[in-house]
Amino acid sequence: MADAMRTYSSFFHCLFDQPLPPGRPYGAYSVFRAIDSRDVEQRPAALPHVHDFAVIWDEDHDARIIPVIEEMLMAGILPGVQFLGEHKGQLTIVLAARTYWKIDTEIFARRIERLTRAAPDSWSVRVGMYDHSPGNLRQGHQCDFQSLIGLGEEAEHAFLYTIDTMWNLGTKSWGSIDVPAPPLPSGAFFEPRHRYIMRR
């Protein structure tokens, strides 16, 4: 029988929980899904959006980050968050590049510093950005991970890019079952994957 998925929160649920590999200082992460009434630019939306993001754990797997994320969700500032991680009292948040350039990141960081009291603790906050455009694993354009893992720029990018590629992180609109899918391109047999549209 498969192990039951760990429950971290009653406000969002865990899609995947990777424990820390034996003898490794990094590699543990969890992927979560939340529903929010804002889009990737944190603007109110007519319909709810599905938001998938990853928490990168250090060796102590400090779950006090979860109440902080709950506060962010209820405050409407979780959309656009791709990765989060806490290490030695430092909370690092990596936003989608589109979100990063649309919001005031200084105000965003100050708000989250206040929300870290839900830990309960007082953590300093760093904000970075991530762009998964084709070819960006080589170029690193609009990618600033703020040493989320502390592995060095290339290894960090590769690790986070792999998680993003496997789990299609980000904020997605919902393609309702009663709304027809776009027609297939000429000669195609399967419906193409739309990264920012989720369908049943």
N, C-alpha and C. Protein backbone atom coordinates (compact mmCIF):
# COMPACT_ATOMS: atom_id res chain seq x y z
N MET A 1 0.84 -1.19 0.00
CA MET A 1 0.00 0.00 0.00
C MET A 1 0.88 1.25 0.00
N ALA A 2 0.55 2.21 -0.84
CA ALA A 2 1.33 3.45 -0.92
C ALA A 2 1.14 4.29 0.34
N ASP A 3 2.20 5.01 0.72
CA ASP A 3 2.10 5.88 1.88
C ASP A 3 1.15 7.03 1.58
N ALA A 4 0.40 7.45 2.61
CA ALA A 4 -0.52 8.57 2.45
C ALA A 4 0.29 9.86 2.30
N MET A 5 -0.22 10.78 1.48
CA MET A 5 0.44 12.07 1.30
C MET A 5 0.30 12.89 2.58
N ARG A 6 1.38 13.50 3.00
CA ARG A 6 1.37 14.33 4.21
C ARG A 6 0.47 15.53 4.01
N THR A 7 -0.30 15.86 5.03
CA THR A 7 -1.15 17.05 5.00
C THR A 7 -0.42 18.18 5.71
N TYR A 8 -0.17 19.25 4.98
CA TYR A 8 0.52 20.41 5.55
C TYR A 8 -0.46 21.51 5.94
N SER A 9 -1.55 21.65 5.19
CA SER A 9 -2.45 22.79 5.37
C SER A 9 -3.87 22.39 4.98
N SER A 10 -4.84 23.09 5.57
CA SER A 10 -6.23 22.89 5.16
C SER A 10 -6.64 23.93 4.10
N PHE A 11 -5.72 24.84 3.74
CA PHE A 11 -6.02 25.87 2.75
C PHE A 11 -5.48 25.53 1.36
N PHE A 12 -4.46 24.69 1.29
CA PHE A 12 -3.94 24.22 0.01
C PHE A 12 -3.44 22.80 0.23
N HIS A 13 -3.30 22.05 -0.85
CA HIS A 13 -2.92 20.65 -0.66
C HIS A 13 -1.62 20.31 -1.36
N CYS A 14 -1.04 19.23 -0.90
CA CYS A 14 0.27 18.79 -1.37
C CYS A 14 0.09 17.81 -2.53
N LEU A 15 0.72 18.12 -3.68
CA LEU A 15 0.68 17.23 -4.83
C LEU A 15 1.81 16.22 -4.79
N PHE A 16 2.94 16.62 -4.20
CA PHE A 16 4.13 15.77 -4.20
C PHE A 16 5.02 16.17 -3.05
N ASP A 17 5.63 15.18 -2.39
CA ASP A 17 6.46 15.43 -1.23
C ASP A 17 7.74 14.62 -1.36
N GLN A 18 8.83 15.28 -1.71
CA GLN A 18 10.12 14.61 -1.89
C GLN A 18 10.96 14.76 -0.62
N PRO A 19 11.24 13.66 0.08
CA PRO A 19 12.09 13.78 1.28
C PRO A 19 13.53 14.08 0.91
N LEU A 20 14.30 14.46 1.91
CA LEU A 20 15.71 14.76 1.69
C LEU A 20 16.46 13.47 1.38
N PRO A 21 17.15 13.41 0.23
CA PRO A 21 17.92 12.19 -0.08
C PRO A 21 19.00 11.95 0.98
N PRO A 22 19.23 10.70 1.35
CA PRO A 22 20.24 10.40 2.38
C PRO A 22 21.61 10.97 1.99
N GLY A 23 22.25 11.62 2.96
CA GLY A 23 23.60 12.13 2.75
C GLY A 23 23.68 13.35 1.88
N ARG A 24 22.53 13.97 1.55
CA ARG A 24 22.54 15.15 0.67
C ARG A 24 22.09 16.38 1.47
N PRO A 25 22.72 17.53 1.28
CA PRO A 25 22.31 18.74 1.99
C PRO A 25 21.11 19.43 1.36
N TYR A 26 20.73 19.00 0.18
CA TYR A 26 19.59 19.61 -0.51
C TYR A 26 18.89 18.52 -1.32
N GLY A 27 17.77 18.87 -1.91
CA GLY A 27 17.06 17.93 -2.77
C GLY A 27 15.64 17.67 -2.32
N ALA A 28 15.29 18.09 -1.09
CA ALA A 28 13.93 17.89 -0.60
C ALA A 28 13.05 19.04 -1.08
N TYR A 29 11.88 18.71 -1.59
CA TYR A 29 10.93 19.75 -1.98
C TYR A 29 9.52 19.18 -1.96
N SER A 30 8.56 20.07 -1.87
CA SER A 30 7.14 19.70 -1.95
C SER A 30 6.48 20.62 -2.96
N VAL A 31 5.52 20.06 -3.69
CA VAL A 31 4.74 20.84 -4.66
C VAL A 31 3.32 20.96 -4.11
N PHE A 32 2.81 22.18 -4.10
CA PHE A 32 1.50 22.46 -3.54
C PHE A 32 0.59 23.08 -4.59
N ARG A 33 -0.71 22.95 -4.35
CA ARG A 33 -1.72 23.57 -5.22
C ARG A 33 -2.70 24.35 -4.37
N ALA A 34 -2.93 25.60 -4.78
CA ALA A 34 -3.91 26.47 -4.12
C ALA A 34 -4.85 27.04 -5.18
N ILE A 35 -6.01 27.45 -4.75
CA ILE A 35 -6.98 28.13 -5.62
C ILE A 35 -7.07 29.57 -5.15
N ASP A 36 -7.01 30.50 -6.09
CA ASP A 36 -6.99 31.91 -5.73
C ASP A 36 -7.81 32.71 -6.74
N SER A 37 -8.38 33.80 -6.30
CA SER A 37 -9.21 34.63 -7.17
C SER A 37 -8.42 35.73 -7.86
N ARG A 38 -7.08 35.57 -7.92
CA ARG A 38 -6.23 36.54 -8.59
C ARG A 38 -5.40 35.86 -9.66
N ASP A 39 -4.98 36.66 -10.64
CA ASP A 39 -4.16 36.12 -11.72
C ASP A 39 -2.68 36.21 -11.36
N VAL A 40 -1.81 35.88 -12.31
CA VAL A 40 -0.38 35.82 -12.04
C VAL A 40 0.20 37.19 -11.69
N GLU A 41 -0.47 38.25 -12.08
CA GLU A 41 -0.01 39.60 -11.74
C GLU A 41 -0.66 40.11 -10.45
N GLN A 42 -1.34 39.19 -9.74
CA GLN A 42 -1.99 39.46 -8.46
C GLN A 42 -3.15 40.46 -8.59
N ARG A 43 -3.76 40.48 -9.77
CA ARG A 43 -4.94 41.30 -10.00
C ARG A 43 -6.19 40.45 -9.79
N PRO A 44 -7.27 41.03 -9.25
CA PRO A 44 -8.51 40.26 -9.12
C PRO A 44 -8.96 39.72 -10.47
N ALA A 45 -9.40 38.47 -10.49
CA ALA A 45 -9.84 37.82 -11.73
C ALA A 45 -11.32 37.48 -11.62
N ALA A 46 -11.98 37.40 -12.78
CA ALA A 46 -13.41 37.09 -12.78
C ALA A 46 -13.68 35.68 -12.28
N LEU A 47 -12.75 34.76 -12.57
CA LEU A 47 -12.89 33.36 -12.15
C LEU A 47 -11.65 32.94 -11.36
N PRO A 48 -11.80 31.95 -10.47
CA PRO A 48 -10.63 31.48 -9.71
C PRO A 48 -9.55 30.91 -10.63
N HIS A 49 -8.32 30.97 -10.15
CA HIS A 49 -7.18 30.41 -10.86
C HIS A 49 -6.55 29.30 -10.00
N VAL A 50 -5.92 28.36 -10.68
CA VAL A 50 -5.19 27.29 -10.02
C VAL A 50 -3.73 27.72 -9.93
N HIS A 51 -3.17 27.58 -8.73
CA HIS A 51 -1.80 28.04 -8.54
C HIS A 51 -0.95 26.92 -7.96
N ASP A 52 0.08 26.49 -8.71
CA ASP A 52 1.01 25.44 -8.28
C ASP A 52 2.37 26.06 -7.98
N PHE A 53 2.94 25.71 -6.84
CA PHE A 53 4.23 26.27 -6.43
C PHE A 53 4.99 25.22 -5.63
N ALA A 54 6.28 25.45 -5.46
CA ALA A 54 7.12 24.48 -4.76
C ALA A 54 7.81 25.12 -3.55
N VAL A 55 7.86 24.37 -2.47
CA VAL A 55 8.65 24.74 -1.30
C VAL A 55 9.92 23.90 -1.32
N ILE A 56 11.06 24.57 -1.25
CA ILE A 56 12.36 23.90 -1.21
C ILE A 56 12.78 23.83 0.26
N TRP A 57 12.96 22.62 0.75
CA TRP A 57 13.26 22.43 2.17
C TRP A 57 14.77 22.33 2.39
N ASP A 58 15.24 22.87 3.51
CA ASP A 58 16.62 22.60 3.90
C ASP A 58 16.61 21.39 4.84
N GLU A 59 17.74 21.11 5.47
CA GLU A 59 17.86 19.86 6.22
C GLU A 59 16.94 19.77 7.43
N ASP A 60 16.47 20.91 7.97
CA ASP A 60 15.59 20.80 9.15
C ASP A 60 14.10 20.78 8.79
N HIS A 61 13.76 20.89 7.50
CA HIS A 61 12.38 20.75 7.03
C HIS A 61 11.42 21.55 7.92
N ASP A 62 11.71 22.85 8.05
CA ASP A 62 10.98 23.71 8.98
C ASP A 62 9.59 24.03 8.45
N ALA A 63 8.58 23.30 8.93
CA ALA A 63 7.21 23.46 8.45
C ALA A 63 6.55 24.73 8.96
N ARG A 64 7.28 25.54 9.74
CA ARG A 64 6.71 26.83 10.16
C ARG A 64 6.51 27.76 8.97
N ILE A 65 7.06 27.39 7.82
CA ILE A 65 6.83 28.19 6.61
C ILE A 65 5.37 28.08 6.15
N ILE A 66 4.69 27.01 6.52
CA ILE A 66 3.32 26.77 6.05
C ILE A 66 2.35 27.84 6.53
N PRO A 67 2.31 28.21 7.83
CA PRO A 67 1.40 29.29 8.22
C PRO A 67 1.67 30.61 7.51
N VAL A 68 2.92 30.86 7.16
CA VAL A 68 3.26 32.08 6.42
C VAL A 68 2.65 32.02 5.02
N ILE A 69 2.75 30.86 4.38
CA ILE A 69 2.16 30.70 3.04
C ILE A 69 0.64 30.83 3.12
N GLU A 70 0.03 30.29 4.18
CA GLU A 70 -1.42 30.45 4.36
C GLU A 70 -1.79 31.92 4.46
N GLU A 71 -1.00 32.68 5.21
CA GLU A 71 -1.26 34.12 5.32
C GLU A 71 -1.12 34.80 3.96
N MET A 72 -0.12 34.40 3.17
CA MET A 72 0.07 34.97 1.84
C MET A 72 -1.14 34.67 0.94
N LEU A 73 -1.62 33.44 1.01
CA LEU A 73 -2.78 33.05 0.21
C LEU A 73 -4.00 33.90 0.57
N MET A 74 -4.26 34.02 1.85
CA MET A 74 -5.45 34.76 2.29
C MET A 74 -5.30 36.26 2.06
N ALA A 75 -4.05 36.75 1.95
CA ALA A 75 -3.81 38.17 1.67
C ALA A 75 -3.82 38.46 0.17
N GLY A 76 -3.89 37.41 -0.66
CA GLY A 76 -3.93 37.61 -2.11
C GLY A 76 -2.58 37.86 -2.74
N ILE A 77 -1.49 37.48 -2.06
CA ILE A 77 -0.16 37.74 -2.61
C ILE A 77 0.61 36.45 -2.88
N LEU A 78 -0.09 35.32 -2.97
CA LEU A 78 0.58 34.07 -3.31
C LEU A 78 0.70 33.86 -4.83
N PRO A 79 -0.29 34.30 -5.64
CA PRO A 79 -0.13 34.10 -7.09
C PRO A 79 1.16 34.71 -7.62
N GLY A 80 1.79 33.98 -8.53
CA GLY A 80 3.06 34.43 -9.08
C GLY A 80 4.25 33.83 -8.35
N VAL A 81 4.04 33.30 -7.14
CA VAL A 81 5.14 32.66 -6.41
C VAL A 81 5.41 31.30 -7.06
N GLN A 82 6.65 31.08 -7.44
CA GLN A 82 7.05 29.80 -8.04
C GLN A 82 7.74 28.90 -7.02
N PHE A 83 8.66 29.48 -6.25
CA PHE A 83 9.43 28.72 -5.27
C PHE A 83 9.55 29.53 -3.97
N LEU A 84 9.56 28.80 -2.86
CA LEU A 84 9.83 29.41 -1.56
C LEU A 84 10.78 28.49 -0.80
N GLY A 85 11.58 29.08 0.07
CA GLY A 85 12.44 28.28 0.93
C GLY A 85 12.89 29.11 2.11
N GLU A 86 13.03 28.44 3.26
CA GLU A 86 13.52 29.10 4.47
C GLU A 86 14.80 28.43 4.90
N HIS A 87 15.80 29.25 5.24
CA HIS A 87 17.07 28.72 5.73
C HIS A 87 17.68 29.71 6.71
N LYS A 88 17.85 29.25 7.95
CA LYS A 88 18.49 30.06 9.00
C LYS A 88 17.87 31.44 9.13
N GLY A 89 16.54 31.48 9.22
CA GLY A 89 15.85 32.74 9.46
C GLY A 89 15.72 33.63 8.24
N GLN A 90 16.01 33.10 7.07
CA GLN A 90 15.90 33.86 5.82
C GLN A 90 14.87 33.19 4.94
N LEU A 91 13.80 33.90 4.62
CA LEU A 91 12.77 33.39 3.73
C LEU A 91 13.04 33.93 2.32
N THR A 92 13.24 33.02 1.37
CA THR A 92 13.49 33.41 -0.01
C THR A 92 12.28 33.05 -0.85
N ILE A 93 11.80 34.01 -1.62
CA ILE A 93 10.64 33.82 -2.48
C ILE A 93 11.06 34.14 -3.91
N VAL A 94 10.83 33.20 -4.81
CA VAL A 94 11.15 33.40 -6.22
C VAL A 94 9.84 33.52 -6.98
N LEU A 95 9.63 34.68 -7.57
CA LEU A 95 8.42 34.98 -8.32
C LEU A 95 8.60 34.68 -9.81
N ALA A 96 7.50 34.41 -10.49
CA ALA A 96 7.54 34.41 -11.95
C ALA A 96 8.00 35.80 -12.40
N ALA A 97 8.84 35.85 -13.43
CA ALA A 97 9.36 37.14 -13.89
C ALA A 97 8.23 38.10 -14.22
N ARG A 98 7.15 37.58 -14.77
CA ARG A 98 6.00 38.44 -15.11
C ARG A 98 5.43 39.11 -13.86
N THR A 99 5.35 38.37 -12.76
CA THR A 99 4.87 38.94 -11.50
C THR A 99 5.87 39.95 -10.95
N TYR A 100 7.13 39.57 -10.98
CA TYR A 100 8.19 40.41 -10.43
C TYR A 100 8.15 41.82 -11.02
N TRP A 101 7.94 41.92 -12.33
CA TRP A 101 7.97 43.23 -12.99
C TRP A 101 6.66 43.99 -12.89
N LYS A 102 5.59 43.34 -12.40
CA LYS A 102 4.29 44.00 -12.32
C LYS A 102 3.94 44.51 -10.94
N ILE A 103 4.61 43.97 -9.90
CA ILE A 103 4.29 44.40 -8.55
C ILE A 103 5.47 45.19 -7.99
N ASP A 104 5.23 45.86 -6.87
CA ASP A 104 6.30 46.54 -6.16
C ASP A 104 6.93 45.52 -5.22
N THR A 105 8.10 45.00 -5.57
CA THR A 105 8.69 43.91 -4.80
C THR A 105 9.16 44.35 -3.41
N GLU A 106 9.47 45.63 -3.24
CA GLU A 106 9.86 46.10 -1.90
C GLU A 106 8.66 46.08 -0.96
N ILE A 107 7.51 46.55 -1.44
CA ILE A 107 6.28 46.49 -0.62
C ILE A 107 5.90 45.04 -0.35
N PHE A 108 6.02 44.20 -1.38
CA PHE A 108 5.73 42.78 -1.26
C PHE A 108 6.59 42.15 -0.16
N ALA A 109 7.90 42.41 -0.18
CA ALA A 109 8.81 41.84 0.81
C ALA A 109 8.49 42.34 2.22
N ARG A 110 8.20 43.63 2.36
CA ARG A 110 7.86 44.17 3.68
C ARG A 110 6.59 43.55 4.23
N ARG A 111 5.60 43.33 3.34
CA ARG A 111 4.34 42.70 3.79
C ARG A 111 4.62 41.28 4.28
N ILE A 112 5.43 40.54 3.56
CA ILE A 112 5.71 39.16 3.95
C ILE A 112 6.52 39.12 5.23
N GLU A 113 7.42 40.07 5.42
CA GLU A 113 8.16 40.13 6.69
C GLU A 113 7.20 40.25 7.86
N ARG A 114 6.13 41.02 7.70
CA ARG A 114 5.13 41.11 8.77
C ARG A 114 4.38 39.79 8.93
N LEU A 115 4.11 39.12 7.81
CA LEU A 115 3.37 37.86 7.87
C LEU A 115 4.19 36.72 8.46
N THR A 116 5.52 36.84 8.48
CA THR A 116 6.33 35.76 9.04
C THR A 116 6.10 35.59 10.54
N ARG A 117 5.44 36.55 11.17
CA ARG A 117 5.11 36.38 12.59
C ARG A 117 4.19 35.18 12.81
N ALA A 118 3.54 34.70 11.73
CA ALA A 118 2.71 33.51 11.83
C ALA A 118 3.56 32.27 12.05
N ALA A 119 4.88 32.37 11.92
CA ALA A 119 5.77 31.20 11.99
C ALA A 119 5.75 30.43 13.31
N PRO A 120 5.72 30.95 14.52
CA PRO A 120 5.93 32.35 14.90
C PRO A 120 7.43 32.65 15.01
N ASP A 121 7.85 33.62 14.29
CA ASP A 121 9.24 34.04 14.26
C ASP A 121 9.29 35.34 13.48
N SER A 122 10.45 35.88 13.32
CA SER A 122 10.62 37.06 12.49
C SER A 122 11.74 36.76 11.51
N TRP A 123 11.38 36.52 10.27
CA TRP A 123 12.34 36.17 9.23
C TRP A 123 12.56 37.36 8.30
N SER A 124 13.78 37.52 7.84
CA SER A 124 14.03 38.49 6.78
C SER A 124 13.62 37.84 5.46
N VAL A 125 13.32 38.68 4.47
CA VAL A 125 12.75 38.18 3.21
C VAL A 125 13.59 38.67 2.04
N ARG A 126 13.91 37.75 1.13
CA ARG A 126 14.56 38.08 -0.14
C ARG A 126 13.60 37.68 -1.26
N VAL A 127 13.59 38.48 -2.31
CA VAL A 127 12.68 38.21 -3.44
C VAL A 127 13.49 38.11 -4.72
N GLY A 128 13.33 37.02 -5.44
CA GLY A 128 13.99 36.82 -6.72
C GLY A 128 12.96 36.57 -7.81
N MET A 129 13.45 36.18 -8.98
CA MET A 129 12.53 35.94 -10.10
C MET A 129 13.01 34.77 -10.94
N TYR A 130 12.06 34.24 -11.73
CA TYR A 130 12.33 33.07 -12.57
C TYR A 130 11.59 33.20 -13.89
N ASP A 131 12.29 32.95 -14.96
CA ASP A 131 11.72 32.95 -16.31
C ASP A 131 12.06 31.61 -16.95
N HIS A 132 11.03 30.86 -17.34
CA HIS A 132 11.26 29.54 -17.92
C HIS A 132 11.16 29.54 -19.44
N SER A 133 11.35 30.67 -20.08
CA SER A 133 11.27 30.75 -21.54
C SER A 133 12.21 29.73 -22.19
N PRO A 134 11.85 29.25 -23.39
CA PRO A 134 12.73 28.28 -24.08
C PRO A 134 14.15 28.81 -24.22
N GLY A 135 15.12 27.95 -23.93
CA GLY A 135 16.52 28.33 -24.02
C GLY A 135 17.05 29.04 -22.81
N ASN A 136 16.18 29.33 -21.83
CA ASN A 136 16.62 30.15 -20.70
C ASN A 136 17.47 29.39 -19.69
N LEU A 137 17.46 28.06 -19.77
CA LEU A 137 18.36 27.30 -18.91
C LEU A 137 19.81 27.64 -19.25
N ARG A 138 20.07 27.94 -20.51
CA ARG A 138 21.42 28.34 -20.92
C ARG A 138 21.68 29.82 -20.68
N GLN A 139 20.68 30.66 -20.95
CA GLN A 139 20.89 32.10 -20.89
C GLN A 139 20.72 32.68 -19.49
N GLY A 140 19.77 32.13 -18.73
CA GLY A 140 19.51 32.66 -17.39
C GLY A 140 18.90 34.04 -17.38
N HIS A 141 18.28 34.45 -18.51
CA HIS A 141 17.66 35.78 -18.62
C HIS A 141 16.48 35.89 -17.66
N GLN A 142 16.41 36.97 -16.91
CA GLN A 142 15.36 37.24 -15.94
C GLN A 142 15.26 36.15 -14.87
N CYS A 143 16.39 35.58 -14.51
CA CYS A 143 16.44 34.58 -13.45
C CYS A 143 17.38 35.08 -12.35
N ASP A 144 16.84 35.21 -11.16
CA ASP A 144 17.62 35.62 -9.99
C ASP A 144 17.06 34.82 -8.82
N PHE A 145 17.75 33.74 -8.44
CA PHE A 145 17.22 32.82 -7.44
C PHE A 145 17.61 33.19 -6.02
N GLN A 146 18.36 34.27 -5.84
CA GLN A 146 18.72 34.77 -4.51
C GLN A 146 19.35 33.69 -3.63
N SER A 147 20.12 32.79 -4.26
CA SER A 147 20.79 31.69 -3.53
C SER A 147 19.81 30.89 -2.69
N LEU A 148 18.68 30.59 -3.28
CA LEU A 148 17.63 29.83 -2.59
C LEU A 148 18.17 28.53 -2.02
N ILE A 149 19.05 27.84 -2.76
CA ILE A 149 19.60 26.57 -2.31
C ILE A 149 21.07 26.72 -1.94
N GLY A 150 21.74 27.70 -2.50
CA GLY A 150 23.15 27.93 -2.19
C GLY A 150 24.08 26.97 -2.90
N LEU A 151 23.70 26.54 -4.11
CA LEU A 151 24.51 25.58 -4.86
C LEU A 151 25.38 26.22 -5.92
N GLY A 152 25.18 27.51 -6.15
CA GLY A 152 25.81 28.15 -7.30
C GLY A 152 24.77 28.30 -8.40
N GLU A 153 24.95 29.30 -9.21
CA GLU A 153 23.92 29.71 -10.16
C GLU A 153 23.49 28.60 -11.12
N GLU A 154 24.42 27.90 -11.74
CA GLU A 154 24.05 26.90 -12.75
C GLU A 154 23.33 25.71 -12.13
N ALA A 155 23.87 25.18 -11.03
CA ALA A 155 23.25 24.01 -10.39
C ALA A 155 21.88 24.38 -9.84
N GLU A 156 21.78 25.57 -9.27
CA GLU A 156 20.50 26.02 -8.73
C GLU A 156 19.46 26.15 -9.84
N HIS A 157 19.86 26.74 -10.95
CA HIS A 157 18.95 26.91 -12.07
C HIS A 157 18.48 25.56 -12.59
N ALA A 158 19.41 24.62 -12.75
CA ALA A 158 19.06 23.30 -13.27
C ALA A 158 18.10 22.57 -12.34
N PHE A 159 18.34 22.65 -11.03
CA PHE A 159 17.49 21.98 -10.06
C PHE A 159 16.07 22.55 -10.09
N LEU A 160 15.96 23.88 -10.03
CA LEU A 160 14.64 24.51 -10.02
C LEU A 160 13.93 24.36 -11.37
N TYR A 161 14.68 24.43 -12.46
CA TYR A 161 14.11 24.24 -13.79
C TYR A 161 13.51 22.84 -13.92
N THR A 162 14.20 21.84 -13.36
CA THR A 162 13.71 20.47 -13.43
C THR A 162 12.38 20.33 -12.68
N ILE A 163 12.30 20.91 -11.49
CA ILE A 163 11.04 20.86 -10.73
C ILE A 163 9.93 21.55 -11.50
N ASP A 164 10.22 22.73 -12.04
CA ASP A 164 9.22 23.48 -12.80
C ASP A 164 8.75 22.69 -14.02
N THR A 165 9.66 22.07 -14.73
CA THR A 165 9.31 21.31 -15.93
C THR A 165 8.47 20.09 -15.58
N MET A 166 8.80 19.40 -14.49
CA MET A 166 8.05 18.21 -14.11
C MET A 166 6.64 18.55 -13.64
N TRP A 167 6.49 19.69 -12.95
CA TRP A 167 5.22 19.99 -12.30
C TRP A 167 4.46 21.16 -12.91
N ASN A 168 5.02 21.78 -13.96
CA ASN A 168 4.28 22.84 -14.64
C ASN A 168 3.80 23.90 -13.65
N LEU A 169 4.74 24.43 -12.87
CA LEU A 169 4.40 25.38 -11.83
C LEU A 169 3.82 26.66 -12.42
N GLY A 170 3.10 27.39 -11.60
CA GLY A 170 2.59 28.68 -12.02
C GLY A 170 1.10 28.81 -11.82
N THR A 171 0.58 29.94 -12.28
CA THR A 171 -0.82 30.29 -12.14
C THR A 171 -1.55 30.02 -13.45
N LYS A 172 -2.64 29.26 -13.36
CA LYS A 172 -3.36 28.80 -14.56
C LYS A 172 -4.84 29.12 -14.46
N SER A 173 -5.41 29.50 -15.59
CA SER A 173 -6.86 29.64 -15.64
C SER A 173 -7.47 28.25 -15.84
N TRP A 174 -8.74 28.13 -15.53
CA TRP A 174 -9.43 26.85 -15.63
C TRP A 174 -10.23 26.80 -16.92
N GLY A 175 -9.97 25.76 -17.74
CA GLY A 175 -10.75 25.54 -18.95
C GLY A 175 -11.95 24.67 -18.61
N SER A 176 -13.10 25.28 -18.45
CA SER A 176 -14.29 24.54 -18.02
C SER A 176 -14.65 23.43 -19.00
N ILE A 177 -15.27 22.39 -18.47
CA ILE A 177 -15.62 21.22 -19.28
C ILE A 177 -16.68 21.55 -20.34
N ASP A 178 -17.47 22.61 -20.10
CA ASP A 178 -18.51 22.96 -21.07
C ASP A 178 -18.05 24.01 -22.09
N VAL A 179 -16.76 24.33 -22.06
CA VAL A 179 -16.19 25.24 -23.06
C VAL A 179 -15.30 24.41 -23.98
N PRO A 180 -15.59 24.39 -25.29
CA PRO A 180 -14.80 23.55 -26.20
C PRO A 180 -13.33 23.93 -26.19
N ALA A 181 -12.48 22.91 -26.31
CA ALA A 181 -11.04 23.14 -26.44
C ALA A 181 -10.76 23.76 -27.79
N PRO A 182 -9.68 24.52 -27.91
CA PRO A 182 -9.32 25.09 -29.22
C PRO A 182 -9.13 23.96 -30.23
N PRO A 183 -9.41 24.20 -31.51
CA PRO A 183 -9.22 23.15 -32.52
C PRO A 183 -7.76 22.74 -32.62
N LEU A 184 -7.54 21.47 -32.97
CA LEU A 184 -6.18 20.97 -33.12
C LEU A 184 -5.52 21.60 -34.34
N PRO A 185 -4.22 21.87 -34.25
CA PRO A 185 -3.50 22.35 -35.43
C PRO A 185 -3.57 21.31 -36.54
N SER A 186 -3.47 21.75 -37.76
CA SER A 186 -3.54 20.85 -38.90
C SER A 186 -2.52 19.72 -38.78
N GLY A 187 -3.00 18.47 -38.93
CA GLY A 187 -2.12 17.31 -38.88
C GLY A 187 -1.81 16.80 -37.49
N ALA A 188 -2.35 17.46 -36.43
CA ALA A 188 -2.08 17.02 -35.06
C ALA A 188 -3.10 15.98 -34.63
N PHE A 189 -2.66 15.03 -33.80
CA PHE A 189 -3.54 13.98 -33.29
C PHE A 189 -3.94 14.20 -31.84
N PHE A 190 -3.12 14.94 -31.10
CA PHE A 190 -3.37 15.15 -29.69
C PHE A 190 -3.49 16.64 -29.40
N GLU A 191 -4.29 16.96 -28.40
CA GLU A 191 -4.45 18.35 -27.99
C GLU A 191 -3.14 18.87 -27.41
N PRO A 192 -2.62 19.99 -27.89
CA PRO A 192 -1.37 20.52 -27.34
C PRO A 192 -1.55 20.97 -25.89
N ARG A 193 -0.47 20.89 -25.14
CA ARG A 193 -0.53 21.30 -23.75
C ARG A 193 -0.46 22.81 -23.66
N HIS A 194 -1.42 23.39 -22.98
CA HIS A 194 -1.43 24.83 -22.74
C HIS A 194 -0.96 25.04 -21.30
N ARG A 195 0.22 25.57 -21.14
CA ARG A 195 0.82 25.67 -19.80
C ARG A 195 -0.06 26.46 -18.84
N TYR A 196 -0.73 27.48 -19.31
CA TYR A 196 -1.47 28.35 -18.41
C TYR A 196 -2.98 28.16 -18.48
N ILE A 197 -3.41 27.07 -19.08
CA ILE A 197 -4.83 26.69 -19.07
C ILE A 197 -4.90 25.27 -18.55
N MET A 198 -5.64 25.05 -17.49
CA MET A 198 -5.79 23.71 -16.93
C MET A 198 -7.17 23.18 -17.27
N ARG A 199 -7.21 21.95 -17.80
CA ARG A 199 -8.48 21.31 -18.13
C ARG A 199 -8.55 19.98 -17.40
N ARG A 200 -9.76 19.55 -17.13
CA ARG A 200 -9.96 18.27 -16.46
C ARG A 200 -9.40 17.13 -17.30
